[in-house]
Amino acid sequence: MPLPDGGELLLVHGSPTDPFESFSHDMSDEELVTPLAESRENLFNLRFQMATGALDNSARLSLANRYIARLLTVPAERRCRDR
């Protein structure tokens, strides 16, 4: 899954070289809307490819779902922290 900086999200979350950690927590909630929308569109395309049999690597579906969950978790963590 491509990241805004051109990298690929193929690493385990929390690893020392996890690109998600470097950009998502520094972004405001408004700035997270664009990667979230792009990720949801990517997930839709992956599901379509899966349905038509064109998807080579079905693990990409899980990665896309996890990436979306992480993007949704960042603002939720902030809301909990600010209480």
N, C-alpha and C. Protein backbone atom coordinates (compact mmCIF):
# COMPACT_ATOMS: atom_id res chain seq x y z
N MET A 1 0.85 -1.17 0.00
CA MET A 1 0.00 0.00 0.00
C MET A 1 0.89 1.23 0.00
N PRO A 2 0.70 2.12 -0.96
CA PRO A 2 1.56 3.30 -1.02
C PRO A 2 1.23 4.30 0.07
N LEU A 3 2.26 4.95 0.54
CA LEU A 3 2.12 6.00 1.55
C LEU A 3 2.31 7.35 0.88
N PRO A 4 1.88 8.44 1.53
CA PRO A 4 2.02 9.76 0.92
C PRO A 4 3.45 10.12 0.53
N ASP A 5 4.44 9.57 1.25
CA ASP A 5 5.82 9.90 0.93
C ASP A 5 6.40 8.99 -0.16
N GLY A 6 5.55 8.13 -0.75
CA GLY A 6 6.00 7.26 -1.83
C GLY A 6 6.48 5.90 -1.38
N GLY A 7 6.58 5.67 -0.06
CA GLY A 7 7.00 4.37 0.45
C GLY A 7 5.87 3.35 0.38
N GLU A 8 6.16 2.16 0.81
CA GLU A 8 5.18 1.09 0.82
C GLU A 8 4.94 0.64 2.25
N LEU A 9 3.68 0.37 2.59
CA LEU A 9 3.35 -0.11 3.92
C LEU A 9 3.36 -1.63 3.89
N LEU A 10 4.50 -2.22 4.17
CA LEU A 10 4.65 -3.66 4.18
C LEU A 10 5.31 -4.13 5.47
N LEU A 11 5.56 -3.22 6.38
CA LEU A 11 6.26 -3.56 7.61
C LEU A 11 5.27 -3.83 8.74
N VAL A 12 5.74 -4.47 9.76
CA VAL A 12 4.92 -4.73 10.94
C VAL A 12 4.78 -3.44 11.73
N HIS A 13 3.56 -3.14 12.15
CA HIS A 13 3.31 -1.92 12.90
C HIS A 13 4.12 -1.93 14.20
N GLY A 14 4.75 -0.83 14.48
CA GLY A 14 5.55 -0.72 15.69
C GLY A 14 7.01 -1.07 15.51
N SER A 15 7.39 -1.52 14.33
CA SER A 15 8.80 -1.83 14.11
C SER A 15 9.59 -0.52 14.04
N PRO A 16 10.88 -0.57 14.30
CA PRO A 16 11.67 0.67 14.33
C PRO A 16 11.63 1.44 13.02
N THR A 17 11.37 0.77 11.92
CA THR A 17 11.35 1.46 10.63
C THR A 17 9.93 1.58 10.08
N ASP A 18 8.93 1.56 10.96
CA ASP A 18 7.54 1.63 10.54
C ASP A 18 7.24 3.03 10.01
N PRO A 19 6.94 3.18 8.71
CA PRO A 19 6.69 4.50 8.14
C PRO A 19 5.40 5.12 8.65
N PHE A 20 4.45 4.32 9.10
CA PHE A 20 3.18 4.84 9.61
C PHE A 20 3.41 5.73 10.82
N GLU A 21 4.28 5.29 11.70
CA GLU A 21 4.55 6.05 12.93
C GLU A 21 5.13 7.43 12.62
N SER A 22 5.89 7.53 11.57
CA SER A 22 6.60 8.78 11.30
C SER A 22 5.70 9.87 10.76
N PHE A 23 4.57 9.53 10.13
CA PHE A 23 3.79 10.60 9.54
C PHE A 23 2.40 10.74 10.12
N SER A 24 1.77 9.70 10.59
CA SER A 24 0.37 9.78 10.98
C SER A 24 0.15 10.55 12.27
N HIS A 25 1.00 10.37 13.24
CA HIS A 25 0.80 11.03 14.53
C HIS A 25 1.17 12.51 14.48
N ASP A 26 1.91 12.90 13.46
CA ASP A 26 2.27 14.31 13.30
C ASP A 26 1.22 15.09 12.54
N MET A 27 0.25 14.39 11.96
CA MET A 27 -0.77 15.03 11.14
C MET A 27 -1.99 15.38 11.99
N SER A 28 -2.65 16.48 11.62
CA SER A 28 -3.89 16.85 12.31
C SER A 28 -5.02 15.93 11.82
N ASP A 29 -6.14 15.99 12.52
CA ASP A 29 -7.28 15.17 12.13
C ASP A 29 -7.74 15.52 10.72
N GLU A 30 -7.70 16.79 10.36
CA GLU A 30 -8.10 17.23 9.02
C GLU A 30 -7.15 16.70 7.96
N GLU A 31 -5.87 16.64 8.28
CA GLU A 31 -4.87 16.14 7.32
C GLU A 31 -4.99 14.63 7.13
N LEU A 32 -5.56 13.93 8.08
CA LEU A 32 -5.72 12.48 7.97
C LEU A 32 -6.88 12.10 7.05
N VAL A 33 -7.73 13.06 6.71
CA VAL A 33 -8.90 12.76 5.88
C VAL A 33 -8.47 12.29 4.49
N THR A 34 -7.48 12.93 3.90
CA THR A 34 -7.05 12.56 2.55
C THR A 34 -6.48 11.15 2.48
N PRO A 35 -5.50 10.78 3.34
CA PRO A 35 -5.01 9.40 3.27
C PRO A 35 -6.10 8.38 3.59
N LEU A 36 -7.04 8.75 4.45
CA LEU A 36 -8.13 7.84 4.78
C LEU A 36 -9.02 7.61 3.57
N ALA A 37 -9.37 8.66 2.87
CA ALA A 37 -10.20 8.53 1.67
C ALA A 37 -9.49 7.71 0.60
N GLU A 38 -8.19 7.98 0.41
CA GLU A 38 -7.41 7.23 -0.58
C GLU A 38 -7.32 5.76 -0.19
N SER A 39 -7.18 5.49 1.09
CA SER A 39 -7.07 4.11 1.56
C SER A 39 -8.38 3.36 1.38
N ARG A 40 -9.49 4.05 1.64
CA ARG A 40 -10.80 3.42 1.44
C ARG A 40 -11.05 3.13 -0.03
N GLU A 41 -10.63 4.04 -0.89
CA GLU A 41 -10.76 3.80 -2.33
C GLU A 41 -9.88 2.62 -2.76
N ASN A 42 -8.68 2.56 -2.21
CA ASN A 42 -7.78 1.45 -2.50
C ASN A 42 -8.39 0.13 -2.04
N LEU A 43 -9.01 0.12 -0.86
CA LEU A 43 -9.65 -1.08 -0.35
C LEU A 43 -10.79 -1.51 -1.26
N PHE A 44 -11.58 -0.55 -1.73
CA PHE A 44 -12.66 -0.86 -2.66
C PHE A 44 -12.10 -1.52 -3.92
N ASN A 45 -11.02 -0.94 -4.46
CA ASN A 45 -10.41 -1.51 -5.67
C ASN A 45 -9.87 -2.92 -5.42
N LEU A 46 -9.27 -3.12 -4.25
CA LEU A 46 -8.77 -4.46 -3.92
C LEU A 46 -9.91 -5.46 -3.81
N ARG A 47 -11.01 -5.05 -3.20
CA ARG A 47 -12.17 -5.95 -3.10
C ARG A 47 -12.74 -6.27 -4.48
N PHE A 48 -12.76 -5.27 -5.35
CA PHE A 48 -13.23 -5.49 -6.71
C PHE A 48 -12.32 -6.48 -7.44
N GLN A 49 -11.01 -6.29 -7.28
CA GLN A 49 -10.06 -7.21 -7.91
C GLN A 49 -10.23 -8.62 -7.36
N MET A 50 -10.50 -8.73 -6.05
CA MET A 50 -10.70 -10.04 -5.44
C MET A 50 -11.94 -10.72 -6.03
N ALA A 51 -12.99 -9.95 -6.22
CA ALA A 51 -14.24 -10.50 -6.75
C ALA A 51 -14.10 -10.94 -8.20
N THR A 52 -13.26 -10.24 -8.95
CA THR A 52 -13.09 -10.59 -10.35
C THR A 52 -11.95 -11.58 -10.58
N GLY A 53 -11.23 -11.90 -9.51
CA GLY A 53 -10.14 -12.87 -9.63
C GLY A 53 -8.83 -12.28 -10.12
N ALA A 54 -8.74 -10.96 -10.13
CA ALA A 54 -7.54 -10.30 -10.63
C ALA A 54 -6.51 -10.01 -9.54
N LEU A 55 -6.87 -10.24 -8.28
CA LEU A 55 -5.96 -9.93 -7.18
C LEU A 55 -4.94 -11.05 -7.00
N ASP A 56 -3.66 -10.68 -7.10
CA ASP A 56 -2.58 -11.67 -6.98
C ASP A 56 -2.27 -12.01 -5.53
N ASN A 57 -2.30 -11.01 -4.66
CA ASN A 57 -1.91 -11.20 -3.27
C ASN A 57 -3.06 -10.80 -2.36
N SER A 58 -3.79 -11.77 -1.85
CA SER A 58 -4.96 -11.47 -1.02
C SER A 58 -4.58 -10.88 0.34
N ALA A 59 -3.33 -10.97 0.73
CA ALA A 59 -2.89 -10.38 1.99
C ALA A 59 -2.97 -8.85 1.94
N ARG A 60 -3.00 -8.29 0.75
CA ARG A 60 -3.11 -6.85 0.62
C ARG A 60 -4.43 -6.34 1.17
N LEU A 61 -5.48 -7.17 1.15
CA LEU A 61 -6.76 -6.78 1.74
C LEU A 61 -6.61 -6.56 3.24
N SER A 62 -5.95 -7.47 3.91
CA SER A 62 -5.73 -7.34 5.35
C SER A 62 -4.87 -6.12 5.67
N LEU A 63 -3.85 -5.89 4.87
CA LEU A 63 -3.00 -4.72 5.08
C LEU A 63 -3.79 -3.43 4.91
N ALA A 64 -4.65 -3.40 3.90
CA ALA A 64 -5.45 -2.20 3.66
C ALA A 64 -6.41 -1.95 4.82
N ASN A 65 -7.05 -3.02 5.31
CA ASN A 65 -7.95 -2.88 6.45
C ASN A 65 -7.22 -2.39 7.69
N ARG A 66 -6.05 -2.95 7.94
CA ARG A 66 -5.27 -2.54 9.11
C ARG A 66 -4.82 -1.09 9.00
N TYR A 67 -4.43 -0.68 7.81
CA TYR A 67 -3.98 0.68 7.59
C TYR A 67 -5.12 1.67 7.86
N ILE A 68 -6.32 1.35 7.40
CA ILE A 68 -7.48 2.19 7.65
C ILE A 68 -7.77 2.25 9.14
N ALA A 69 -7.68 1.13 9.80
CA ALA A 69 -7.92 1.10 11.25
C ALA A 69 -6.91 1.97 11.98
N ARG A 70 -5.68 1.95 11.56
CA ARG A 70 -4.66 2.79 12.19
C ARG A 70 -4.95 4.26 11.98
N LEU A 71 -5.38 4.61 10.76
CA LEU A 71 -5.70 6.00 10.49
C LEU A 71 -6.89 6.47 11.33
N LEU A 72 -7.83 5.58 11.58
CA LEU A 72 -8.98 5.93 12.41
C LEU A 72 -8.62 5.95 13.90
N THR A 73 -7.61 5.21 14.28
CA THR A 73 -7.22 5.13 15.69
C THR A 73 -6.52 6.41 16.17
N VAL A 74 -5.78 7.06 15.31
CA VAL A 74 -5.02 8.25 15.71
C VAL A 74 -5.93 9.33 16.29
N PRO A 75 -7.01 9.74 15.60
CA PRO A 75 -7.88 10.76 16.23
C PRO A 75 -8.60 10.24 17.48
N ALA A 76 -8.93 8.96 17.49
CA ALA A 76 -9.59 8.39 18.68
C ALA A 76 -8.66 8.43 19.88
N GLU A 77 -7.39 8.15 19.67
CA GLU A 77 -6.40 8.23 20.76
C GLU A 77 -6.30 9.67 21.28
N ARG A 78 -6.34 10.61 20.36
CA ARG A 78 -6.25 12.01 20.79
C ARG A 78 -7.46 12.41 21.63
N ARG A 79 -8.65 11.96 21.20
CA ARG A 79 -9.86 12.30 21.97
C ARG A 79 -9.79 11.71 23.37
N CYS A 80 -9.32 10.48 23.48
CA CYS A 80 -9.21 9.84 24.80
C CYS A 80 -8.17 10.54 25.66
N ARG A 81 -7.08 10.94 25.05
CA ARG A 81 -5.99 11.60 25.78
C ARG A 81 -6.42 12.97 26.29
N ASP A 82 -7.27 13.65 25.53
CA ASP A 82 -7.69 15.01 25.87
C ASP A 82 -8.79 15.04 26.91
N ARG A 83 -9.33 13.93 27.28
CA ARG A 83 -10.42 13.91 28.28
C ARG A 83 -9.93 14.26 29.64
